[in-house]
Amino acid sequence: MAVLWRLRYKLGLRDVAELLLQRGFEVIYETIRVWEFRFAPLVSENLRNKRRGIAGRSWYLDETYIKVGGHWRYLYRAIDREGNLLDSMLSEHRDKHAARRFLRRLIDSAGRSTCA
């Protein structure tokens, strides 16, 4: 639950620890960081599988250059017409291979057949 709160609502580590304390669980924020590192990929994959086939017919794709952990990375995002985030990906490179990898993953998660 702590990892889901952190990912879904963009809460800080200390905020999640405080919410858990209100529910009767005494957890330090460092433990939540470790949980996030361990369980975030599993939660993300589970949510991606539940979203399979729900994407709208029209998608908007964009990319931007952001600093993550002191390193500049490219952030690719896909959003459907209703404003739902379909998928996102961080990449070191901005090239054809990174774009194709993102699009293939997006099409697979959206339940569409590939044509590339």
C-alpha atoms as a PDB file:
ATOM      1  CA  MET A   1       0.000   0.000   0.000  1.00  0.00           C
ATOM      2  CA  ALA A   2       2.853   2.386   0.842  1.00  0.00           C
ATOM      3  CA  VAL A   3       4.473   1.923  -2.569  1.00  0.00           C
ATOM      4  CA  LEU A   4       1.145   2.406  -4.326  1.00  0.00           C
ATOM      5  CA  TRP A   5       0.492   5.642  -2.402  1.00  0.00           C
ATOM      6  CA  ARG A   6       3.983   6.873  -3.228  1.00  0.00           C
ATOM      7  CA  LEU A   7       3.650   6.134  -6.945  1.00  0.00           C
ATOM      8  CA  ARG A   8       0.013   7.078  -7.463  1.00  0.00           C
ATOM      9  CA  TYR A   9      -0.217  10.269  -5.420  1.00  0.00           C
ATOM     10  CA  LYS A  10       3.390  11.527  -5.703  1.00  0.00           C
ATOM     11  CA  LEU A  11       3.777  11.673  -1.918  1.00  0.00           C
ATOM     12  CA  GLY A  12       7.112  12.128  -0.201  1.00  0.00           C
ATOM     13  CA  LEU A  13       8.718   9.319   1.772  1.00  0.00           C
ATOM     14  CA  ARG A  14       8.051  11.079   5.068  1.00  0.00           C
ATOM     15  CA  ASP A  15       4.425  11.749   4.081  1.00  0.00           C
ATOM     16  CA  VAL A  16       3.822   8.047   3.447  1.00  0.00           C
ATOM     17  CA  ALA A  17       5.499   7.159   6.760  1.00  0.00           C
ATOM     18  CA  GLU A  18       3.175   9.623   8.504  1.00  0.00           C
ATOM     19  CA  LEU A  19       0.092   8.123   6.822  1.00  0.00           C
ATOM     20  CA  LEU A  20       1.152   4.653   7.925  1.00  0.00           C
ATOM     21  CA  LEU A  21       1.714   5.942  11.466  1.00  0.00           C
ATOM     22  CA  GLN A  22      -1.865   7.259  11.522  1.00  0.00           C
ATOM     23  CA  ARG A  23      -3.008   3.739  10.623  1.00  0.00           C
ATOM     24  CA  GLY A  24      -0.970   2.235  13.477  1.00  0.00           C
ATOM     25  CA  PHE A  25       2.201   1.143  11.638  1.00  0.00           C
ATOM     26  CA  GLU A  26       5.482   2.656  12.783  1.00  0.00           C
ATOM     27  CA  VAL A  27       7.793   2.660   9.752  1.00  0.00           C
ATOM     28  CA  ILE A  28      10.771   4.912   9.015  1.00  0.00           C
ATOM     29  CA  TYR A  29      10.950   6.631   5.655  1.00  0.00           C
ATOM     30  CA  GLU A  30      14.114   4.737   4.672  1.00  0.00           C
ATOM     31  CA  THR A  31      12.167   1.468   4.808  1.00  0.00           C
ATOM     32  CA  ILE A  32       9.616   2.907   2.391  1.00  0.00           C
ATOM     33  CA  ARG A  33      12.447   3.856   0.023  1.00  0.00           C
ATOM     34  CA  VAL A  34      13.716   0.263   0.097  1.00  0.00           C
ATOM     35  CA  TRP A  35      10.181  -1.069  -0.496  1.00  0.00           C
ATOM     36  CA  GLU A  36       9.755   1.286  -3.434  1.00  0.00           C
ATOM     37  CA  PHE A  37      13.037   0.162  -4.987  1.00  0.00           C
ATOM     38  CA  ARG A  38      12.030  -3.475  -4.590  1.00  0.00           C
ATOM     39  CA  PHE A  39       8.305  -3.434  -5.347  1.00  0.00           C
ATOM     40  CA  ALA A  40       7.752  -0.483  -7.735  1.00  0.00           C
ATOM     41  CA  PRO A  41       8.574  -2.548 -10.859  1.00  0.00           C
ATOM     42  CA  LEU A  42       6.086  -5.229  -9.757  1.00  0.00           C
ATOM     43  CA  VAL A  43       3.342  -2.699  -9.038  1.00  0.00           C
ATOM     44  CA  SER A  44       4.039  -0.918 -12.316  1.00  0.00           C
ATOM     45  CA  GLU A  45       3.879  -4.149 -14.332  1.00  0.00           C
ATOM     46  CA  ASN A  46       0.666  -5.177 -12.566  1.00  0.00           C
ATOM     47  CA  LEU A  47      -0.973  -1.838 -13.366  1.00  0.00           C
ATOM     48  CA  ARG A  48       0.226  -2.035 -16.977  1.00  0.00           C
ATOM     49  CA  ASN A  49      -1.337  -5.512 -17.344  1.00  0.00           C
ATOM     50  CA  LYS A  50      -4.665  -4.307 -15.884  1.00  0.00           C
ATOM     51  CA  ARG A  51      -4.672  -1.389 -18.330  1.00  0.00           C
ATOM     52  CA  ARG A  52      -4.173  -3.695 -21.338  1.00  0.00           C
ATOM     53  CA  GLY A  53      -6.728  -2.995 -24.065  1.00  0.00           C
ATOM     54  CA  ILE A  54      -8.279   0.054 -22.336  1.00  0.00           C
ATOM     55  CA  ALA A  55      -6.420   2.737 -24.295  1.00  0.00           C
ATOM     56  CA  GLY A  56      -8.427   5.092 -26.466  1.00  0.00           C
ATOM     57  CA  ARG A  57      -8.118   5.182 -30.230  1.00  0.00           C
ATOM     58  CA  SER A  58      -6.208   8.463 -30.372  1.00  0.00           C
ATOM     59  CA  TRP A  59      -2.846   8.890 -28.615  1.00  0.00           C
ATOM     60  CA  TYR A  60      -0.554  11.833 -28.069  1.00  0.00           C
ATOM     61  CA  LEU A  61       3.170  11.131 -27.806  1.00  0.00           C
ATOM     62  CA  ASP A  62       5.782  13.503 -26.476  1.00  0.00           C
ATOM     63  CA  GLU A  63       9.335  13.512 -25.229  1.00  0.00           C
ATOM     64  CA  THR A  64      11.260  15.827 -22.997  1.00  0.00           C
ATOM     65  CA  TYR A  65      14.738  16.097 -21.504  1.00  0.00           C
ATOM     66  CA  ILE A  66      14.828  15.899 -17.699  1.00  0.00           C
ATOM     67  CA  LYS A  67      17.455  15.476 -15.007  1.00  0.00           C
ATOM     68  CA  VAL A  68      17.081  12.266 -12.985  1.00  0.00           C
ATOM     69  CA  GLY A  69      19.547  11.444 -10.239  1.00  0.00           C
ATOM     70  CA  GLY A  70      22.042  13.982 -11.544  1.00  0.00           C
ATOM     71  CA  HIS A  71      21.965  12.608 -15.113  1.00  0.00           C
ATOM     72  CA  TRP A  72      20.071  13.983 -18.090  1.00  0.00           C
ATOM     73  CA  ARG A  73      17.575  11.513 -19.577  1.00  0.00           C
ATOM     74  CA  TYR A  74      14.864  11.544 -22.218  1.00  0.00           C
ATOM     75  CA  LEU A  75      11.317  10.971 -20.969  1.00  0.00           C
ATOM     76  CA  TYR A  76       8.914   9.514 -23.511  1.00  0.00           C
ATOM     77  CA  ARG A  77       5.173   9.650 -22.671  1.00  0.00           C
ATOM     78  CA  ALA A  78       1.966   8.514 -24.338  1.00  0.00           C
ATOM     79  CA  ILE A  79      -1.417   9.968 -23.363  1.00  0.00           C
ATOM     80  CA  ASP A  80      -4.795   9.094 -24.852  1.00  0.00           C
ATOM     81  CA  ARG A  81      -7.426  11.637 -25.837  1.00  0.00           C
ATOM     82  CA  GLU A  82      -9.141  11.389 -22.425  1.00  0.00           C
ATOM     83  CA  GLY A  83      -5.892  12.388 -20.685  1.00  0.00           C
ATOM     84  CA  ASN A  84      -4.989   8.956 -19.293  1.00  0.00           C
ATOM     85  CA  LEU A  85      -1.280   8.190 -19.147  1.00  0.00           C
ATOM     86  CA  LEU A  86      -0.781   5.060 -21.237  1.00  0.00           C
ATOM     87  CA  ASP A  87       2.937   4.533 -20.731  1.00  0.00           C
ATOM     88  CA  SER A  88       6.197   6.333 -20.051  1.00  0.00           C
ATOM     89  CA  MET A  89       9.860   5.444 -20.471  1.00  0.00           C
ATOM     90  CA  LEU A  90      13.204   6.964 -19.487  1.00  0.00           C
ATOM     91  CA  SER A  91      16.072   6.570 -21.932  1.00  0.00           C
ATOM     92  CA  GLU A  92      19.688   7.648 -22.087  1.00  0.00           C
ATOM     93  CA  HIS A  93      19.498   8.115 -25.841  1.00  0.00           C
ATOM     94  CA  ARG A  94      17.183   9.940 -28.208  1.00  0.00           C
ATOM     95  CA  ASP A  95      17.409   7.808 -31.309  1.00  0.00           C
ATOM     96  CA  LYS A  96      15.351   5.536 -33.519  1.00  0.00           C
ATOM     97  CA  HIS A  97      15.983   2.469 -31.353  1.00  0.00           C
ATOM     98  CA  ALA A  98      14.727   4.147 -28.172  1.00  0.00           C
ATOM     99  CA  ALA A  99      11.616   5.447 -29.931  1.00  0.00           C
ATOM    100  CA  ARG A 100      10.822   2.040 -31.448  1.00  0.00           C
ATOM    101  CA  ARG A 101      11.349   0.300 -28.104  1.00  0.00           C
ATOM    102  CA  PHE A 102       8.894   2.717 -26.487  1.00  0.00           C
ATOM    103  CA  LEU A 103       6.316   2.357 -29.254  1.00  0.00           C
ATOM    104  CA  ARG A 104       6.496  -1.459 -29.235  1.00  0.00           C
ATOM    105  CA  ARG A 105       6.044  -1.526 -25.467  1.00  0.00           C
ATOM    106  CA  LEU A 106       3.170   0.950 -25.755  1.00  0.00           C
ATOM    107  CA  ILE A 107       1.410  -1.031 -28.462  1.00  0.00           C
ATOM    108  CA  ASP A 108       1.876  -4.288 -26.525  1.00  0.00           C
ATOM    109  CA  SER A 109       0.438  -2.783 -23.346  1.00  0.00           C
ATOM    110  CA  ALA A 110      -2.492  -1.221 -25.230  1.00  0.00           C
ATOM    111  CA  GLY A 111      -3.462  -4.545 -26.832  1.00  0.00           C
ATOM    112  CA  ARG A 112      -3.012  -3.415 -30.421  1.00  0.00           C
ATOM    113  CA  SER A 113      -1.157  -5.340 -33.137  1.00  0.00           C
ATOM    114  CA  THR A 114       2.195  -4.016 -34.335  1.00  0.00           C
ATOM    115  CA  CYS A 115       2.722  -2.888 -37.885  1.00  0.00           C
ATOM    116  CA  ALA A 116       6.421  -1.921 -37.681  1.00  0.00           C
END
